[in-house]
Amino acid sequence: MTVWTALLATAAGCYLLKLLGLCVPGRLLDRPAVRTFATLAPVALLAALTAQQTLTHGHHLTLDARAAGLAAAALALWRRAPFLLVVLAAVTVTALVRLA
């Protein structure tokens, strides 16, 4: 299989998946369970990706400066700080831990 064949097959698959999403009946999307899932699934996926990128190195669990920065960001979010302050807290704590 050439690269172009793989590229075209992937593009067609993505298009068909999008088309399938448009063909879902409206009554299915109006169910409360589906709405709840659609609301919470992106949050759960983003949290999982953040944890995976922060707490692992290769195939090993690693607690380093990134974990401290994530904890600082979580604390700032818990205190309802503005987003820019959350990012600044995470960056500052990560840099200070790496410096130490």
C-alpha atoms as a PDB file:
ATOM      1  CA  MET A   1       0.000   0.000   0.000  1.00  0.00           C
ATOM      2  CA  THR A   2       1.418   3.335  -0.977  1.00  0.00           C
ATOM      3  CA  VAL A   3       1.309   6.460   1.115  1.00  0.00           C
ATOM      4  CA  TRP A   4      -1.236   8.035  -1.211  1.00  0.00           C
ATOM      5  CA  THR A   5      -3.569   5.055  -0.894  1.00  0.00           C
ATOM      6  CA  ALA A   6      -3.361   5.237   2.880  1.00  0.00           C
ATOM      7  CA  LEU A   7      -3.941   8.995   2.796  1.00  0.00           C
ATOM      8  CA  LEU A   8      -6.985   8.707   0.543  1.00  0.00           C
ATOM      9  CA  ALA A   9      -8.435   5.831   2.592  1.00  0.00           C
ATOM     10  CA  THR A  10      -7.997   7.831   5.799  1.00  0.00           C
ATOM     11  CA  ALA A  11      -9.602  10.927   4.262  1.00  0.00           C
ATOM     12  CA  ALA A  12     -12.546   8.872   3.006  1.00  0.00           C
ATOM     13  CA  GLY A  13     -12.939   7.222   6.404  1.00  0.00           C
ATOM     14  CA  CYS A  14     -12.947  10.597   8.173  1.00  0.00           C
ATOM     15  CA  TYR A  15     -15.515  11.958   5.717  1.00  0.00           C
ATOM     16  CA  LEU A  16     -17.783   8.932   6.156  1.00  0.00           C
ATOM     17  CA  LEU A  17     -17.506   9.181   9.949  1.00  0.00           C
ATOM     18  CA  LYS A  18     -18.561  12.840   9.784  1.00  0.00           C
ATOM     19  CA  LEU A  19     -21.417  11.926   7.442  1.00  0.00           C
ATOM     20  CA  LEU A  20     -22.530   9.196   9.832  1.00  0.00           C
ATOM     21  CA  GLY A  21     -22.716  11.785  12.621  1.00  0.00           C
ATOM     22  CA  LEU A  22     -25.014  13.945  10.498  1.00  0.00           C
ATOM     23  CA  CYS A  23     -27.298  10.988   9.754  1.00  0.00           C
ATOM     24  CA  VAL A  24     -28.071  10.231  13.419  1.00  0.00           C
ATOM     25  CA  PRO A  25     -31.796  10.750  14.070  1.00  0.00           C
ATOM     26  CA  GLY A  26     -32.684  13.836  16.109  1.00  0.00           C
ATOM     27  CA  ARG A  27     -34.780  11.847  18.596  1.00  0.00           C
ATOM     28  CA  LEU A  28     -31.672   9.904  19.607  1.00  0.00           C
ATOM     29  CA  LEU A  29     -29.738  13.101  20.263  1.00  0.00           C
ATOM     30  CA  ASP A  30     -32.554  14.536  22.395  1.00  0.00           C
ATOM     31  CA  ARG A  31     -32.209  11.845  25.057  1.00  0.00           C
ATOM     32  CA  PRO A  32     -30.859  13.160  28.393  1.00  0.00           C
ATOM     33  CA  ALA A  33     -28.250  10.405  28.664  1.00  0.00           C
ATOM     34  CA  VAL A  34     -26.825  11.252  25.233  1.00  0.00           C
ATOM     35  CA  ARG A  35     -26.735  14.974  26.064  1.00  0.00           C
ATOM     36  CA  THR A  36     -24.975  14.287  29.371  1.00  0.00           C
ATOM     37  CA  PHE A  37     -22.436  12.039  27.659  1.00  0.00           C
ATOM     38  CA  ALA A  38     -21.804  14.610  24.912  1.00  0.00           C
ATOM     39  CA  THR A  39     -21.234  17.267  27.564  1.00  0.00           C
ATOM     40  CA  LEU A  40     -18.906  15.246  29.801  1.00  0.00           C
ATOM     41  CA  ALA A  41     -16.935  13.134  27.287  1.00  0.00           C
ATOM     42  CA  PRO A  42     -14.662  15.969  26.024  1.00  0.00           C
ATOM     43  CA  VAL A  43     -13.834  16.969  29.599  1.00  0.00           C
ATOM     44  CA  ALA A  44     -12.928  13.392  30.516  1.00  0.00           C
ATOM     45  CA  LEU A  45     -10.802  12.950  27.388  1.00  0.00           C
ATOM     46  CA  LEU A  46      -8.944  16.203  27.981  1.00  0.00           C
ATOM     47  CA  ALA A  47      -8.309  15.264  31.622  1.00  0.00           C
ATOM     48  CA  ALA A  48      -6.992  11.847  30.575  1.00  0.00           C
ATOM     49  CA  LEU A  49      -4.690  13.353  27.949  1.00  0.00           C
ATOM     50  CA  THR A  50      -3.398  15.935  30.435  1.00  0.00           C
ATOM     51  CA  ALA A  51      -2.701  13.262  33.042  1.00  0.00           C
ATOM     52  CA  GLN A  52      -0.993  11.014  30.515  1.00  0.00           C
ATOM     53  CA  GLN A  53       1.244  13.784  29.192  1.00  0.00           C
ATOM     54  CA  THR A  54       2.063  15.103  32.674  1.00  0.00           C
ATOM     55  CA  LEU A  55       2.566  11.949  34.694  1.00  0.00           C
ATOM     56  CA  THR A  56       4.291   9.589  32.268  1.00  0.00           C
ATOM     57  CA  HIS A  57       7.610   9.385  30.504  1.00  0.00           C
ATOM     58  CA  GLY A  58       7.565   6.642  27.906  1.00  0.00           C
ATOM     59  CA  HIS A  59       5.871   3.691  29.586  1.00  0.00           C
ATOM     60  CA  HIS A  60       6.754   4.691  33.150  1.00  0.00           C
ATOM     61  CA  LEU A  61       4.961   6.761  35.756  1.00  0.00           C
ATOM     62  CA  THR A  62       6.994   9.869  36.547  1.00  0.00           C
ATOM     63  CA  LEU A  63       6.389  12.479  39.223  1.00  0.00           C
ATOM     64  CA  ASP A  64       8.498  15.508  38.388  1.00  0.00           C
ATOM     65  CA  ALA A  65       8.156  19.267  38.012  1.00  0.00           C
ATOM     66  CA  ARG A  66       5.266  18.864  35.592  1.00  0.00           C
ATOM     67  CA  ALA A  67       3.202  17.178  38.315  1.00  0.00           C
ATOM     68  CA  ALA A  68       3.890  20.072  40.675  1.00  0.00           C
ATOM     69  CA  GLY A  69       2.791  22.532  37.986  1.00  0.00           C
ATOM     70  CA  LEU A  70      -0.382  20.530  37.393  1.00  0.00           C
ATOM     71  CA  ALA A  71      -1.103  20.554  41.128  1.00  0.00           C
ATOM     72  CA  ALA A  72      -0.622  24.336  41.211  1.00  0.00           C
ATOM     73  CA  ALA A  73      -2.987  24.738  38.252  1.00  0.00           C
ATOM     74  CA  ALA A  74      -5.572  22.505  39.931  1.00  0.00           C
ATOM     75  CA  LEU A  75      -5.315  24.560  43.113  1.00  0.00           C
ATOM     76  CA  ALA A  76      -5.734  27.787  41.177  1.00  0.00           C
ATOM     77  CA  LEU A  77      -8.754  26.359  39.345  1.00  0.00           C
ATOM     78  CA  TRP A  78     -10.253  25.228  42.638  1.00  0.00           C
ATOM     79  CA  ARG A  79      -9.854  28.785  43.938  1.00  0.00           C
ATOM     80  CA  ARG A  80     -11.634  29.990  40.754  1.00  0.00           C
ATOM     81  CA  ALA A  81      -8.690  31.986  39.460  1.00  0.00           C
ATOM     82  CA  PRO A  82      -8.822  33.438  35.929  1.00  0.00           C
ATOM     83  CA  PHE A  83      -7.386  31.221  33.204  1.00  0.00           C
ATOM     84  CA  LEU A  84      -4.295  33.363  32.651  1.00  0.00           C
ATOM     85  CA  LEU A  85      -3.482  33.173  36.366  1.00  0.00           C
ATOM     86  CA  VAL A  86      -3.926  29.383  36.294  1.00  0.00           C
ATOM     87  CA  VAL A  87      -1.423  29.073  33.460  1.00  0.00           C
ATOM     88  CA  LEU A  88       0.975  31.505  35.137  1.00  0.00           C
ATOM     89  CA  ALA A  89       0.811  29.549  38.408  1.00  0.00           C
ATOM     90  CA  ALA A  90       1.516  26.264  36.620  1.00  0.00           C
ATOM     91  CA  VAL A  91       4.442  27.713  34.669  1.00  0.00           C
ATOM     92  CA  THR A  92       5.940  29.419  37.720  1.00  0.00           C
ATOM     93  CA  VAL A  93       5.704  26.357  39.987  1.00  0.00           C
ATOM     94  CA  THR A  94       7.101  24.086  37.267  1.00  0.00           C
ATOM     95  CA  ALA A  95      10.049  26.432  36.673  1.00  0.00           C
ATOM     96  CA  LEU A  96      10.783  26.798  40.400  1.00  0.00           C
ATOM     97  CA  VAL A  97      10.711  23.036  40.962  1.00  0.00           C
ATOM     98  CA  ARG A  98      13.031  22.486  37.999  1.00  0.00           C
ATOM     99  CA  LEU A  99      15.344  25.196  39.329  1.00  0.00           C
ATOM    100  CA  ALA A 100      15.505  23.593  42.780  1.00  0.00           C
END
